[in-house]
């Protein structure tokens, strides 16, 4: 079983080299597809130092958004299973095996949940916002998720071929979740570690993305 790791990156000069190293340390048959989404902070130079350690690198001339970068990455996939890996070092690639074990047992889609085990580093505001979006997802789609917004989403390539993604930015999370659920996929979850960073440290998602997530959850639920 070959794992395709898609790494969307935008202005992550300080962590992209570390992430490439951590992904490559995972002992599994894999390919690493890195999509630079128009970085302007020195990330491109950092990638070039590691380019020989990556299967495929795509450079976008401008910044479109995380969703667009992932969609580009999906076009280069040759593996059997796909996982999304953010470039911000908040999640640990060594935990891929937790998700892969569920895939090997027959699951089509597996999410790494940040809320299935106690983590005092998650702020109350972040916890409440994620809980609200996940509860809304469960109410609209009849699911039983604990972390819809997680970055660790792993799924079989056969499922990926049925997706019709149109997202550009952070609305990727509600869009792909909505499509999985409308396809009839049962999303399984496993607990993962989470090392959150602050906006000062480079975190890019804001309350506006939360508002967009609410809109798209309703949009995809009732769209024919």
C-alpha atoms as a PDB file:
ATOM      1  CA  UNK A   1       0.000   0.000   0.000  1.00  0.00           C
ATOM      2  CA  UNK A   2       1.609   3.237  -1.178  1.00  0.00           C
ATOM      3  CA  UNK A   3       0.932   6.467   0.709  1.00  0.00           C
ATOM      4  CA  UNK A   4       0.746   9.775  -1.180  1.00  0.00           C
ATOM      5  CA  UNK A   5       1.571  12.694   1.136  1.00  0.00           C
ATOM      6  CA  UNK A   6       0.355  16.061  -0.147  1.00  0.00           C
ATOM      7  CA  UNK A   7       2.003  19.067   1.523  1.00  0.00           C
ATOM      8  CA  UNK A   8       0.414  22.439   0.699  1.00  0.00           C
ATOM      9  CA  UNK A   9       2.706  25.253   1.820  1.00  0.00           C
ATOM     10  CA  UNK A  10       2.519  29.041   1.946  1.00  0.00           C
ATOM     11  CA  UNK A  11       5.104  31.145   3.762  1.00  0.00           C
ATOM     12  CA  UNK A  12       6.428  28.440   6.085  1.00  0.00           C
ATOM     13  CA  UNK A  13      10.151  29.120   5.760  1.00  0.00           C
ATOM     14  CA  UNK A  14      10.891  28.176   9.364  1.00  0.00           C
ATOM     15  CA  UNK A  15       9.181  24.754   9.340  1.00  0.00           C
ATOM     16  CA  UNK A  16       9.053  23.354   5.789  1.00  0.00           C
ATOM     17  CA  UNK A  17      12.506  21.756   5.980  1.00  0.00           C
ATOM     18  CA  UNK A  18      11.637  20.098   9.295  1.00  0.00           C
ATOM     19  CA  UNK A  19       8.345  18.776   7.915  1.00  0.00           C
ATOM     20  CA  UNK A  20      10.039  17.253   4.864  1.00  0.00           C
ATOM     21  CA  UNK A  21      12.525  15.514   7.175  1.00  0.00           C
ATOM     22  CA  UNK A  22       9.779  14.251   9.500  1.00  0.00           C
ATOM     23  CA  UNK A  23       7.692  12.911   6.621  1.00  0.00           C
ATOM     24  CA  UNK A  24      10.687  11.156   5.093  1.00  0.00           C
ATOM     25  CA  UNK A  25      11.448   9.504   8.447  1.00  0.00           C
ATOM     26  CA  UNK A  26       8.098   7.691   8.393  1.00  0.00           C
ATOM     27  CA  UNK A  27       8.785   4.062   7.517  1.00  0.00           C
ATOM     28  CA  UNK A  28       6.124   3.417   4.890  1.00  0.00           C
ATOM     29  CA  UNK A  29       6.099   3.137   1.105  1.00  0.00           C
ATOM     30  CA  UNK A  30       5.290   6.708   0.080  1.00  0.00           C
ATOM     31  CA  UNK A  31       5.605   9.597  -2.322  1.00  0.00           C
ATOM     32  CA  UNK A  32       5.816  13.223  -1.195  1.00  0.00           C
ATOM     33  CA  UNK A  33       4.041  15.853  -3.286  1.00  0.00           C
ATOM     34  CA  UNK A  34       4.800  19.425  -2.231  1.00  0.00           C
ATOM     35  CA  UNK A  35       2.780  22.344  -3.595  1.00  0.00           C
ATOM     36  CA  UNK A  36       4.133  25.814  -2.891  1.00  0.00           C
ATOM     37  CA  UNK A  37       1.228  28.236  -3.067  1.00  0.00           C
ATOM     38  CA  UNK A  38       3.070  31.402  -4.102  1.00  0.00           C
ATOM     39  CA  UNK A  39       5.272  31.837  -1.021  1.00  0.00           C
ATOM     40  CA  UNK A  40       7.125  35.144  -0.654  1.00  0.00           C
ATOM     41  CA  UNK A  41       9.085  34.721   2.598  1.00  0.00           C
ATOM     42  CA  UNK A  42      12.002  32.493   1.650  1.00  0.00           C
ATOM     43  CA  UNK A  43      10.030  29.236   1.654  1.00  0.00           C
ATOM     44  CA  UNK A  44      10.977  28.610  -1.983  1.00  0.00           C
ATOM     45  CA  UNK A  45      14.681  28.776  -1.145  1.00  0.00           C
ATOM     46  CA  UNK A  46      14.135  26.398   1.783  1.00  0.00           C
ATOM     47  CA  UNK A  47      12.303  23.964  -0.521  1.00  0.00           C
ATOM     48  CA  UNK A  48      15.104  24.044  -3.078  1.00  0.00           C
ATOM     49  CA  UNK A  49      17.553  22.823  -0.434  1.00  0.00           C
ATOM     50  CA  UNK A  50      15.328  19.786   0.102  1.00  0.00           C
ATOM     51  CA  UNK A  51      13.924  19.321  -3.393  1.00  0.00           C
ATOM     52  CA  UNK A  52      15.950  16.162  -3.998  1.00  0.00           C
ATOM     53  CA  UNK A  53      14.163  14.590  -1.017  1.00  0.00           C
ATOM     54  CA  UNK A  54      10.687  15.198  -2.449  1.00  0.00           C
ATOM     55  CA  UNK A  55       8.964  13.193  -5.183  1.00  0.00           C
ATOM     56  CA  UNK A  56       7.254  16.160  -6.843  1.00  0.00           C
ATOM     57  CA  UNK A  57       7.394  19.914  -6.279  1.00  0.00           C
ATOM     58  CA  UNK A  58       4.956  22.336  -7.865  1.00  0.00           C
ATOM     59  CA  UNK A  59       5.401  26.103  -7.592  1.00  0.00           C
ATOM     60  CA  UNK A  60       2.374  28.332  -8.079  1.00  0.00           C
ATOM     61  CA  UNK A  61       3.269  31.828  -9.345  1.00  0.00           C
ATOM     62  CA  UNK A  62       0.625  33.381  -7.057  1.00  0.00           C
ATOM     63  CA  UNK A  63      -1.141  32.542  -3.794  1.00  0.00           C
ATOM     64  CA  UNK A  64      -4.552  30.963  -4.398  1.00  0.00           C
ATOM     65  CA  UNK A  65      -5.224  29.183  -1.087  1.00  0.00           C
ATOM     66  CA  UNK A  66      -4.894  25.843   0.687  1.00  0.00           C
ATOM     67  CA  UNK A  67      -7.774  24.223  -1.181  1.00  0.00           C
ATOM     68  CA  UNK A  68      -6.316  25.132  -4.558  1.00  0.00           C
ATOM     69  CA  UNK A  69      -2.898  23.801  -3.540  1.00  0.00           C
ATOM     70  CA  UNK A  70      -4.372  20.468  -2.433  1.00  0.00           C
ATOM     71  CA  UNK A  71      -6.344  20.174  -5.666  1.00  0.00           C
ATOM     72  CA  UNK A  72      -3.096  20.624  -7.602  1.00  0.00           C
ATOM     73  CA  UNK A  73      -1.425  17.992  -5.433  1.00  0.00           C
ATOM     74  CA  UNK A  74      -4.209  15.502  -6.094  1.00  0.00           C
ATOM     75  CA  UNK A  75      -3.450  15.604  -9.830  1.00  0.00           C
ATOM     76  CA  UNK A  76       0.029  14.125  -9.186  1.00  0.00           C
ATOM     77  CA  UNK A  77      -1.011  11.276  -6.876  1.00  0.00           C
ATOM     78  CA  UNK A  78       0.069   7.750  -7.870  1.00  0.00           C
ATOM     79  CA  UNK A  79      -0.413   5.994  -4.531  1.00  0.00           C
ATOM     80  CA  UNK A  80      -3.234   3.938  -3.029  1.00  0.00           C
ATOM     81  CA  UNK A  81      -3.928   6.165  -0.015  1.00  0.00           C
ATOM     82  CA  UNK A  82      -3.715   9.950   0.343  1.00  0.00           C
ATOM     83  CA  UNK A  83      -2.988  12.063   3.419  1.00  0.00           C
ATOM     84  CA  UNK A  84      -2.860  15.845   3.752  1.00  0.00           C
ATOM     85  CA  UNK A  85       0.137  17.161   5.694  1.00  0.00           C
ATOM     86  CA  UNK A  86       0.256  20.837   6.693  1.00  0.00           C
ATOM     87  CA  UNK A  87       3.685  22.457   6.681  1.00  0.00           C
ATOM     88  CA  UNK A  88       3.350  24.155  10.082  1.00  0.00           C
ATOM     89  CA  UNK A  89       4.641  21.381  12.386  1.00  0.00           C
ATOM     90  CA  UNK A  90       1.435  21.277  14.456  1.00  0.00           C
ATOM     91  CA  UNK A  91       0.916  17.568  13.713  1.00  0.00           C
ATOM     92  CA  UNK A  92       3.351  14.651  13.875  1.00  0.00           C
ATOM     93  CA  UNK A  93       3.867  12.550  10.707  1.00  0.00           C
ATOM     94  CA  UNK A  94       4.976   9.630  12.894  1.00  0.00           C
ATOM     95  CA  UNK A  95       1.276   9.221  13.691  1.00  0.00           C
ATOM     96  CA  UNK A  96       0.386   8.315  10.100  1.00  0.00           C
ATOM     97  CA  UNK A  97       0.394   4.694  11.249  1.00  0.00           C
ATOM     98  CA  UNK A  98      -2.579   5.406  13.522  1.00  0.00           C
ATOM     99  CA  UNK A  99      -4.665   6.422  10.528  1.00  0.00           C
ATOM    100  CA  UNK A 100      -3.182   3.798   8.210  1.00  0.00           C
ATOM    101  CA  UNK A 101      -4.120   1.008  10.614  1.00  0.00           C
ATOM    102  CA  UNK A 102      -7.784   1.925  10.134  1.00  0.00           C
ATOM    103  CA  UNK A 103      -7.334   1.994   6.344  1.00  0.00           C
ATOM    104  CA  UNK A 104      -5.711  -1.444   6.469  1.00  0.00           C
ATOM    105  CA  UNK A 105      -8.748  -2.683   8.414  1.00  0.00           C
ATOM    106  CA  UNK A 106     -11.024  -1.552   5.576  1.00  0.00           C
ATOM    107  CA  UNK A 107     -11.863   2.102   6.296  1.00  0.00           C
ATOM    108  CA  UNK A 108     -12.265   4.414   3.304  1.00  0.00           C
ATOM    109  CA  UNK A 109     -11.712   7.703   5.148  1.00  0.00           C
ATOM    110  CA  UNK A 110      -9.936   8.354   8.451  1.00  0.00           C
ATOM    111  CA  UNK A 111      -9.561  11.640  10.340  1.00  0.00           C
ATOM    112  CA  UNK A 112      -7.018  12.325  13.046  1.00  0.00           C
ATOM    113  CA  UNK A 113      -8.975  13.939  15.874  1.00  0.00           C
ATOM    114  CA  UNK A 114      -7.295  16.504  18.133  1.00  0.00           C
ATOM    115  CA  UNK A 115     -10.093  16.211  20.682  1.00  0.00           C
ATOM    116  CA  UNK A 116     -10.243  12.485  21.413  1.00  0.00           C
ATOM    117  CA  UNK A 117      -7.589  12.871  24.080  1.00  0.00           C
ATOM    118  CA  UNK A 118      -6.891  15.609  26.595  1.00  0.00           C
ATOM    119  CA  UNK A 119      -4.718  18.447  25.312  1.00  0.00           C
ATOM    120  CA  UNK A 120      -4.380  21.454  27.643  1.00  0.00           C
ATOM    121  CA  UNK A 121      -2.516  23.402  24.932  1.00  0.00           C
ATOM    122  CA  UNK A 122      -5.695  23.933  22.907  1.00  0.00           C
ATOM    123  CA  UNK A 123      -7.241  27.290  23.801  1.00  0.00           C
ATOM    124  CA  UNK A 124     -10.832  27.499  24.998  1.00  0.00           C
ATOM    125  CA  UNK A 125     -11.776  29.686  22.019  1.00  0.00           C
ATOM    126  CA  UNK A 126     -10.302  27.249  19.520  1.00  0.00           C
ATOM    127  CA  UNK A 127     -11.943  24.317  21.270  1.00  0.00           C
ATOM    128  CA  UNK A 128     -15.375  26.002  21.239  1.00  0.00           C
ATOM    129  CA  UNK A 129     -15.093  27.097  17.599  1.00  0.00           C
ATOM    130  CA  UNK A 130     -14.110  23.618  16.441  1.00  0.00           C
ATOM    131  CA  UNK A 131     -16.797  22.009  18.582  1.00  0.00           C
ATOM    132  CA  UNK A 132     -19.444  24.264  17.047  1.00  0.00           C
ATOM    133  CA  UNK A 133     -18.378  23.555  13.451  1.00  0.00           C
ATOM    134  CA  UNK A 134     -18.190  19.820  14.133  1.00  0.00           C
ATOM    135  CA  UNK A 135     -21.602  19.796  15.830  1.00  0.00           C
ATOM    136  CA  UNK A 136     -23.078  21.672  12.875  1.00  0.00           C
ATOM    137  CA  UNK A 137     -21.548  19.106  10.514  1.00  0.00           C
ATOM    138  CA  UNK A 138     -23.048  16.267  12.534  1.00  0.00           C
ATOM    139  CA  UNK A 139     -26.490  17.890  12.579  1.00  0.00           C
ATOM    140  CA  UNK A 140     -26.507  18.609   8.848  1.00  0.00           C
ATOM    141  CA  UNK A 141     -25.008  15.336   7.627  1.00  0.00           C
ATOM    142  CA  UNK A 142     -25.913  12.805  10.309  1.00  0.00           C
ATOM    143  CA  UNK A 143     -22.281  12.098  11.139  1.00  0.00           C
ATOM    144  CA  UNK A 144     -20.640  11.490  14.518  1.00  0.00           C
ATOM    145  CA  UNK A 145     -17.374  13.388  14.168  1.00  0.00           C
ATOM    146  CA  UNK A 146     -15.355  15.017  16.934  1.00  0.00           C
ATOM    147  CA  UNK A 147     -13.022  17.095  14.722  1.00  0.00           C
ATOM    148  CA  UNK A 148     -14.247  18.136  11.271  1.00  0.00           C
ATOM    149  CA  UNK A 149     -11.537  20.802  10.857  1.00  0.00           C
ATOM    150  CA  UNK A 150      -8.583  18.488  11.480  1.00  0.00           C
ATOM    151  CA  UNK A 151      -5.742  18.796   8.993  1.00  0.00           C
ATOM    152  CA  UNK A 152      -5.058  15.040   9.102  1.00  0.00           C
ATOM    153  CA  UNK A 153      -7.465  13.583   6.574  1.00  0.00           C
ATOM    154  CA  UNK A 154      -6.521  10.230   5.054  1.00  0.00           C
ATOM    155  CA  UNK A 155      -8.538   8.530   2.330  1.00  0.00           C
ATOM    156  CA  UNK A 156      -8.309   5.886  -0.339  1.00  0.00           C
ATOM    157  CA  UNK A 157      -7.539   7.017  -3.882  1.00  0.00           C
ATOM    158  CA  UNK A 158     -10.747   5.361  -5.116  1.00  0.00           C
ATOM    159  CA  UNK A 159     -12.700   7.817  -2.964  1.00  0.00           C
ATOM    160  CA  UNK A 160     -10.580  10.747  -4.135  1.00  0.00           C
ATOM    161  CA  UNK A 161     -11.520   9.993  -7.742  1.00  0.00           C
ATOM    162  CA  UNK A 162     -15.189  10.561  -6.871  1.00  0.00           C
ATOM    163  CA  UNK A 163     -14.609  13.997  -5.367  1.00  0.00           C
ATOM    164  CA  UNK A 164     -15.521  17.149  -7.262  1.00  0.00           C
ATOM    165  CA  UNK A 165     -13.608  19.756  -5.298  1.00  0.00           C
ATOM    166  CA  UNK A 166     -13.962  23.413  -6.243  1.00  0.00           C
ATOM    167  CA  UNK A 167     -12.609  25.067  -3.110  1.00  0.00           C
ATOM    168  CA  UNK A 168      -9.727  27.515  -3.089  1.00  0.00           C
ATOM    169  CA  UNK A 169      -9.019  28.377   0.550  1.00  0.00           C
ATOM    170  CA  UNK A 170      -9.599  26.931   4.012  1.00  0.00           C
ATOM    171  CA  UNK A 171     -13.138  25.962   3.005  1.00  0.00           C
ATOM    172  CA  UNK A 172     -11.423  22.787   1.804  1.00  0.00           C
ATOM    173  CA  UNK A 173     -12.138  21.211   5.198  1.00  0.00           C
ATOM    174  CA  UNK A 174     -15.978  21.504   5.140  1.00  0.00           C
ATOM    175  CA  UNK A 175     -16.130  20.858   1.400  1.00  0.00           C
ATOM    176  CA  UNK A 176     -14.242  17.580   1.395  1.00  0.00           C
ATOM    177  CA  UNK A 177     -16.002  16.423   4.579  1.00  0.00           C
ATOM    178  CA  UNK A 178     -19.400  17.192   3.048  1.00  0.00           C
ATOM    179  CA  UNK A 179     -18.500  15.293  -0.122  1.00  0.00           C
ATOM    180  CA  UNK A 180     -17.229  12.265   1.803  1.00  0.00           C
ATOM    181  CA  UNK A 181     -20.466  12.106   3.783  1.00  0.00           C
ATOM    182  CA  UNK A 182     -22.716  12.671   0.757  1.00  0.00           C
ATOM    183  CA  UNK A 183     -20.882   9.843  -1.018  1.00  0.00           C
ATOM    184  CA  UNK A 184     -21.922   7.604   1.860  1.00  0.00           C
ATOM    185  CA  UNK A 185     -18.428   7.214   3.316  1.00  0.00           C
ATOM    186  CA  UNK A 186     -18.194   6.478   7.016  1.00  0.00           C
ATOM    187  CA  UNK A 187     -15.471   8.717   8.419  1.00  0.00           C
ATOM    188  CA  UNK A 188     -13.549   6.943  11.175  1.00  0.00           C
ATOM    189  CA  UNK A 189     -11.443   8.869  13.694  1.00  0.00           C
ATOM    190  CA  UNK A 190      -8.310   8.178  15.725  1.00  0.00           C
ATOM    191  CA  UNK A 191      -6.791  10.366  18.462  1.00  0.00           C
ATOM    192  CA  UNK A 192      -3.696  12.338  17.447  1.00  0.00           C
ATOM    193  CA  UNK A 193      -1.241  14.704  19.089  1.00  0.00           C
ATOM    194  CA  UNK A 194      -1.532  18.432  18.423  1.00  0.00           C
ATOM    195  CA  UNK A 195       0.969  21.219  19.022  1.00  0.00           C
ATOM    196  CA  UNK A 196      -1.011  24.402  18.234  1.00  0.00           C
ATOM    197  CA  UNK A 197       0.709  27.633  17.326  1.00  0.00           C
ATOM    198  CA  UNK A 198      -0.522  31.216  17.598  1.00  0.00           C
ATOM    199  CA  UNK A 199      -1.162  33.875  14.960  1.00  0.00           C
ATOM    200  CA  UNK A 200       2.080  35.524  16.068  1.00  0.00           C
ATOM    201  CA  UNK A 201       3.866  32.251  15.350  1.00  0.00           C
ATOM    202  CA  UNK A 202       2.357  32.087  11.857  1.00  0.00           C
ATOM    203  CA  UNK A 203      -1.096  30.508  12.177  1.00  0.00           C
ATOM    204  CA  UNK A 204      -3.144  31.730   9.216  1.00  0.00           C
ATOM    205  CA  UNK A 205      -6.715  30.592   9.808  1.00  0.00           C
ATOM    206  CA  UNK A 206      -9.004  33.316  11.272  1.00  0.00           C
ATOM    207  CA  UNK A 207     -12.597  33.781  12.412  1.00  0.00           C
ATOM    208  CA  UNK A 208     -13.502  34.717   8.820  1.00  0.00           C
ATOM    209  CA  UNK A 209     -12.609  31.183   7.757  1.00  0.00           C
ATOM    210  CA  UNK A 210     -14.988  29.907  10.429  1.00  0.00           C
ATOM    211  CA  UNK A 211     -17.802  31.976   8.932  1.00  0.00           C
ATOM    212  CA  UNK A 212     -16.979  30.607   5.474  1.00  0.00           C
ATOM    213  CA  UNK A 213     -17.015  27.079   6.892  1.00  0.00           C
ATOM    214  CA  UNK A 214     -20.552  27.595   8.211  1.00  0.00           C
ATOM    215  CA  UNK A 215     -21.671  28.893   4.815  1.00  0.00           C
ATOM    216  CA  UNK A 216     -20.148  25.994   2.905  1.00  0.00           C
ATOM    217  CA  UNK A 217     -21.519  23.370   5.270  1.00  0.00           C
ATOM    218  CA  UNK A 218     -25.029  24.605   4.480  1.00  0.00           C
ATOM    219  CA  UNK A 219     -24.207  25.148   0.796  1.00  0.00           C
ATOM    220  CA  UNK A 220     -22.970  21.604   0.178  1.00  0.00           C
ATOM    221  CA  UNK A 221     -25.714  20.044   2.304  1.00  0.00           C
ATOM    222  CA  UNK A 222     -28.529  21.478   0.226  1.00  0.00           C
ATOM    223  CA  UNK A 223     -26.829  21.735  -3.145  1.00  0.00           C
ATOM    224  CA  UNK A 224     -28.168  19.182  -5.629  1.00  0.00           C
END
